[in-house]
Protein backbone atom coordinates (compact mmCIF):
# COMPACT_ATOMS: atom_id res chain seq x y z
CA MET A 1 126.89 162.10 324.30
CA PRO A 2 128.06 165.26 326.08
CA GLU A 3 127.21 168.46 324.26
CA ALA A 4 130.87 169.52 324.21
CA VAL A 5 131.71 166.43 322.19
CA GLN A 6 128.76 166.99 319.85
CA ASP A 7 129.95 170.53 319.21
CA CYS A 8 133.27 169.19 317.89
CA ARG A 9 131.59 167.28 315.07
CA LEU A 10 131.05 168.99 311.74
CA SER A 11 127.49 170.19 311.20
CA ARG A 12 125.23 168.35 308.76
CA ASN A 13 125.64 171.06 306.10
CA PHE A 14 129.39 171.64 306.45
CA HIS A 15 130.12 170.15 302.99
CA ARG A 16 127.92 172.67 301.14
CA THR A 17 127.06 169.71 298.82
CA PHE A 18 130.72 169.36 297.70
CA LYS A 19 132.42 165.97 297.66
CA PRO A 20 135.90 165.59 299.19
CA GLU A 21 137.92 165.66 295.97
CA ARG A 22 141.35 164.24 296.69
CA GLN A 23 143.28 166.80 294.63
CA TYR A 24 141.93 169.56 296.85
CA ILE A 25 142.62 167.61 300.04
CA THR A 26 146.22 167.29 298.85
CA ALA A 27 146.39 171.02 298.16
CA MET A 28 145.07 171.79 301.67
CA LEU A 29 147.57 169.43 303.31
CA ARG A 30 150.43 171.09 301.45
CA PHE A 31 149.13 174.49 302.56
CA ALA A 32 149.09 173.24 306.16
CA ALA A 33 152.62 171.87 305.79
CA SER A 34 153.83 175.30 304.65
CA GLY A 35 152.84 176.81 308.00
CA ALA A 36 150.77 179.50 306.30
CA GLY A 37 147.35 180.80 307.25
CA GLY A 38 144.68 182.97 305.72
CA ASP A 39 141.01 183.52 305.01
CA SER A 40 139.15 181.55 302.34
CA GLN A 41 140.26 183.86 299.53
CA ALA A 42 143.92 183.67 300.56
CA ILE A 43 143.81 179.89 300.91
CA ALA A 44 142.12 179.59 297.51
CA ALA A 45 144.82 181.74 295.92
CA ALA A 46 147.58 179.66 297.50
CA THR A 47 146.08 176.22 296.82
CA GLY A 48 144.09 176.57 293.61
CA ILE A 49 140.95 175.31 295.34
CA PRO A 50 138.03 176.97 293.51
CA THR A 51 136.24 179.76 295.31
CA GLY A 52 133.99 182.65 294.41
CA ALA A 53 133.48 186.09 295.91
CA SER A 54 131.41 184.74 298.80
CA THR A 55 131.21 180.96 298.38
CA GLY A 56 133.49 178.16 297.24
CA LYS A 57 135.08 174.86 298.12
CA VAL A 58 137.74 176.07 300.55
CA PRO A 59 135.61 175.93 303.76
CA ALA A 60 134.24 172.49 302.83
CA ILE A 61 137.67 171.02 302.02
CA LEU A 62 139.12 172.54 305.18
CA ASP A 63 136.35 170.87 307.20
CA TYR A 64 136.70 167.55 305.39
CA CYS A 65 140.40 167.56 306.29
CA ARG A 66 139.52 168.26 309.92
CA GLY A 67 136.86 165.57 310.06
CA MET A 68 139.22 163.05 308.45
CA GLY A 69 141.79 163.67 311.16
CA LEU A 70 144.33 165.13 308.73
CA ILE A 71 144.58 168.65 310.15
CA ARG A 72 143.81 170.67 313.23
CA LEU A 73 143.12 174.39 313.28
CA GLY A 74 145.54 176.53 315.21
CA GLY A 75 144.17 179.52 317.11
CA GLN A 76 140.47 180.36 317.12
CA GLU A 77 138.36 178.11 314.88
CA ARG A 78 135.59 180.69 314.46
CA THR A 79 137.77 183.46 313.04
CA ALA A 80 137.93 184.14 309.30
CA VAL A 81 141.67 183.50 309.21
CA LYS A 82 142.46 179.80 309.40
CA LYS A 83 145.83 178.26 310.16
CA PRO A 84 145.63 174.52 309.51
CA GLU A 85 148.25 172.26 311.12
CA LEU A 86 148.98 168.68 310.09
CA THR A 87 148.12 165.90 312.53
CA PRO A 88 150.47 162.90 312.83
CA PHE A 89 148.16 161.06 310.40
CA GLY A 90 148.12 163.99 307.98
CA ARG A 91 151.90 164.35 308.10
CA THR A 92 152.53 160.67 307.35
CA LEU A 93 149.91 160.60 304.60
CA LEU A 94 151.37 163.67 302.91
CA LEU A 95 154.78 161.99 302.86
CA GLU A 96 153.68 158.50 301.78
CA ASP A 97 150.40 158.82 299.83
CA PRO A 98 149.85 162.54 299.19
CA TYR A 99 147.02 162.02 296.69
CA LEU A 100 145.14 159.48 298.85
CA LYS A 101 145.24 156.99 296.00
CA ILE A 102 145.33 153.78 298.01
CA GLY A 103 142.50 152.15 299.92
CA LEU A 104 144.30 152.24 303.26
CA SER A 105 144.52 156.04 303.24
CA GLN A 106 140.89 156.45 302.24
CA TRP A 107 139.66 153.93 304.83
CA ILE A 108 141.41 155.58 307.77
CA ALA A 109 140.19 159.02 306.65
CA HIS A 110 136.69 157.56 306.36
CA LEU A 111 136.82 156.00 309.84
CA ASN A 112 137.80 159.37 311.29
CA LEU A 113 134.99 161.10 309.40
CA CYS A 114 132.51 158.88 311.28
CA SER A 115 134.01 159.71 314.68
CA PRO A 116 131.79 160.93 317.53
CA MET A 117 134.53 163.36 318.56
CA ILE A 118 136.10 164.87 315.42
CA GLY A 119 133.97 163.56 312.54
CA ALA A 120 131.02 164.81 310.52
CA ASP A 121 127.60 164.46 312.14
CA VAL A 122 125.81 162.85 309.17
CA TRP A 123 128.55 160.23 308.81
CA TYR A 124 128.43 159.63 312.58
CA GLN A 125 124.65 159.19 312.49
CA VAL A 126 124.85 156.69 309.62
CA PHE A 127 127.94 154.62 310.40
CA PHE A 128 127.84 154.69 314.21
CA ARG A 129 124.55 155.68 315.82
CA GLY A 130 122.43 154.41 312.92
CA ILE A 131 123.65 150.82 312.95
CA GLN A 132 120.60 149.51 314.82
CA SER A 133 118.02 151.11 312.54
CA LEU A 134 119.91 150.85 309.24
CA GLY A 135 122.04 147.73 309.51
CA MET A 136 124.63 146.95 306.83
CA ALA A 137 122.20 147.17 303.88
CA PHE A 138 119.31 149.56 303.37
CA GLU A 139 117.36 151.45 300.73
CA ARG A 140 117.97 155.12 300.00
CA ALA A 141 114.43 155.94 301.19
CA LYS A 142 115.18 154.33 304.56
CA LEU A 143 118.35 156.37 304.88
CA GLU A 144 116.43 159.56 304.10
CA SER A 145 113.82 158.64 306.72
CA HIS A 146 116.53 157.90 309.28
CA LEU A 147 118.21 161.28 308.77
CA SER A 148 114.85 163.10 308.79
CA LEU A 149 114.10 161.52 312.17
CA VAL A 150 117.56 162.37 313.55
CA TYR A 151 117.38 166.03 312.53
CA GLY A 152 113.67 166.55 312.92
CA VAL A 153 113.21 167.95 309.44
CA GLU A 154 111.39 166.67 306.38
CA LYS A 155 113.82 167.91 303.81
CA ALA A 156 115.42 166.63 300.64
CA GLY A 157 119.18 166.79 300.46
CA LEU A 158 120.02 165.45 303.92
CA ILE A 159 122.13 162.69 302.35
CA GLY A 160 124.24 165.22 300.44
CA PRO A 161 127.55 163.78 299.15
CA LEU A 162 127.55 160.93 301.70
CA ILE A 163 126.95 158.21 299.10
CA GLY A 164 128.39 159.85 295.99
CA MET A 165 131.86 160.38 297.47
CA TYR A 166 132.39 156.61 297.61
CA GLN A 167 131.41 156.15 293.96
CA ASP A 168 133.50 159.01 292.56
CA GLU A 169 137.03 158.21 291.38
CA ALA A 170 138.04 161.80 292.11
CA ALA A 171 136.98 161.26 295.72
CA PHE A 172 136.94 157.97 297.69
CA SER A 173 136.04 155.20 295.26
CA ALA A 174 139.07 153.12 296.31
CA CYS A 175 137.44 152.83 299.73
CA ARG A 176 133.82 152.23 298.67
CA ALA A 177 132.57 152.22 302.24
CA LEU A 178 129.11 152.56 300.69
CA VAL A 179 128.11 150.79 297.49
CA GLU A 180 124.96 151.94 295.68
CA ASN A 181 123.07 149.63 293.34
CA GLY A 182 119.85 151.22 292.15
CA SER A 183 117.97 152.23 295.28
CA ASN A 184 119.89 149.74 297.44
CA ILE A 185 122.89 150.79 299.50
CA THR A 186 125.34 148.39 301.15
CA ARG A 187 127.95 149.16 303.75
CA SER A 188 131.30 147.49 303.09
CA PRO A 189 133.14 146.27 306.22
CA ALA A 190 136.64 147.66 306.55
CA PRO A 191 139.05 145.12 304.98
CA LEU A 192 141.21 142.94 307.21
CA ASN A 193 144.27 142.69 304.99
CA ASP A 194 147.59 142.28 306.80
CA GLU A 195 148.93 145.56 305.35
CA PHE A 196 146.16 147.45 307.19
CA GLY A 197 147.40 146.31 310.61
CA TYR A 198 149.56 149.30 311.52
CA ALA A 199 146.91 151.73 310.26
CA TYR A 200 144.10 150.15 312.29
CA GLY A 201 146.42 150.02 315.26
CA ALA A 202 147.22 153.74 315.02
CA TRP A 203 143.51 154.51 314.71
CA LEU A 204 142.74 152.35 317.75
CA LEU A 205 145.49 153.98 319.83
CA GLN A 206 144.21 157.42 318.80
CA LEU A 207 140.70 156.47 319.95
CA VAL A 208 142.05 155.34 323.32
CA ALA A 209 144.09 158.54 323.72
CA ASP A 210 141.16 160.78 322.75
CA HIS A 211 138.36 159.05 324.65
CA PHE A 212 140.19 157.47 327.61
CA PRO A 213 143.31 159.60 328.15
CA GLU A 214 143.81 158.62 331.79
CA GLN A 215 143.33 154.86 331.47
CA GLY A 216 146.12 152.34 331.05
CA GLN A 217 143.74 149.72 329.74
CA ILE A 218 140.29 149.74 328.21
CA SER A 219 137.70 147.09 327.46
CA THR A 220 136.69 146.42 323.87
CA THR A 221 133.07 147.08 324.84
CA GLU A 222 133.84 150.53 326.26
CA LEU A 223 135.96 151.40 323.25
CA ASP A 224 133.13 150.56 320.89
CA THR A 225 130.38 152.17 322.98
CA GLN A 226 132.22 155.48 323.30
CA ALA A 227 134.34 155.63 320.15
CA GLY A 228 132.78 153.21 317.66
CA TRP A 229 135.88 151.01 317.43
CA ARG A 230 133.96 147.98 316.13
CA THR A 231 130.71 149.55 314.86
CA ILE A 232 132.19 152.19 312.54
CA PRO A 233 134.30 149.69 310.53
CA GLY A 234 131.24 147.42 310.27
CA TRP A 235 132.94 144.37 311.81
CA ASP A 236 131.02 141.38 313.15
CA VAL A 237 132.35 139.50 316.19
CA GLY A 238 134.72 137.30 314.20
CA SER A 239 136.09 140.19 312.14
CA HIS A 240 136.56 142.26 315.28
CA GLN A 241 138.62 139.51 316.88
CA ARG A 242 140.73 139.13 313.74
CA ALA A 243 141.34 142.88 313.67
CA LEU A 244 142.60 142.81 317.26
CA ALA A 245 144.84 139.82 316.52
CA LEU A 246 146.24 141.63 313.48
CA ILE A 247 147.08 144.76 315.49
CA GLU A 248 148.51 142.68 318.34
CA ARG A 249 150.85 140.87 315.90
CA LYS A 250 152.21 144.27 314.87
CA GLY A 251 153.20 144.87 318.50
CA LEU A 252 150.95 147.90 318.98
CA ILE A 253 148.62 146.54 321.66
CA GLU A 254 148.34 143.73 324.19
CA VAL A 255 145.01 141.89 324.39
CA ASP A 256 143.92 140.24 327.64
CA ARG A 257 141.56 137.49 326.50
CA HIS A 258 141.12 136.05 330.01
CA MET A 259 138.68 138.84 330.85
CA GLU A 260 135.22 139.28 329.37
CA PRO A 261 134.99 141.67 327.62
CA TRP A 262 138.60 141.59 326.46
CA LEU A 263 140.95 144.27 327.75
CA LEU A 264 143.34 146.26 325.56
CA ARG A 265 146.63 147.82 326.66
CA PRO A 266 148.54 150.17 324.37
CA ARG A 267 152.19 149.23 323.83
CA VAL A 268 153.26 152.06 321.52
CA ALA A 269 152.85 155.85 321.65
CA VAL A 270 150.20 157.17 319.29
CA GLU A 271 152.48 159.41 317.23
CA ALA A 272 154.99 156.57 316.74
CA ALA A 273 152.18 154.33 315.48
CA TRP A 274 151.00 156.89 312.91
CA LYS A 275 154.50 157.02 311.42
CA ARG A 276 154.33 153.30 310.62
CA ILE A 277 150.92 152.98 308.95
CA TYR A 278 152.41 152.39 305.49
CA ASP A 279 155.23 150.08 306.61
CA ASP A 280 153.69 146.92 305.17
CA LEU A 281 153.01 148.57 301.82
CA LEU A 282 156.68 149.24 301.09
């Protein structure tokens, strides 16, 4: 993976041990929608996100929103003053499901958080790069060992809020991408309900636009190798084919099944697709 792409992912400690509480994500999205900017203290005052004199939840929530593909930062990212701007996904979510209550919203945010390009590095290492060593079910000790090997440190706390966020009702329990039972952890494949079709399609089109901006068509193998299209949702071959058929029925892509691997051609602009992700939930 090119270093420039690695640099775009959130560092392993970005969360400062805080979970992504949905009420604070909502507050940050509304702040972004207002067009305002400010340092952590100013954002805390405007949003009600808790912060102290030198530490607090604002930087973590801001980064969660970035990693989930809900906002971008205008101007210089490394300055103290931040000016978040809603992405097409963030704008639609704020209009249709502002508190991220439904599973669809949480799943798409989760998929983005695992992205090799915009996501959080720990999530990327577990849900994408770690699939060969971890599989779909593993013990907590194995996860700790995996992360210790990735980062070259023997240190407690590498897991952070990775597991807890999917158990916490204030965070992402409607998604439950990870389910913990004692010391055993299981990855849940992304659901293939019909009402998820537009959302998965928008996510797929965004991956194509981000990773293959100059290509009119892309193979399913390339899309997974570079962007994690199949690996991150945890789909086996059959589920992957059903996901493509679901998105194709929505009119978002064309699938050429005469080639091996299959070829995908976008049929809708990315921003138009994001506007429709809740259509089947109405």
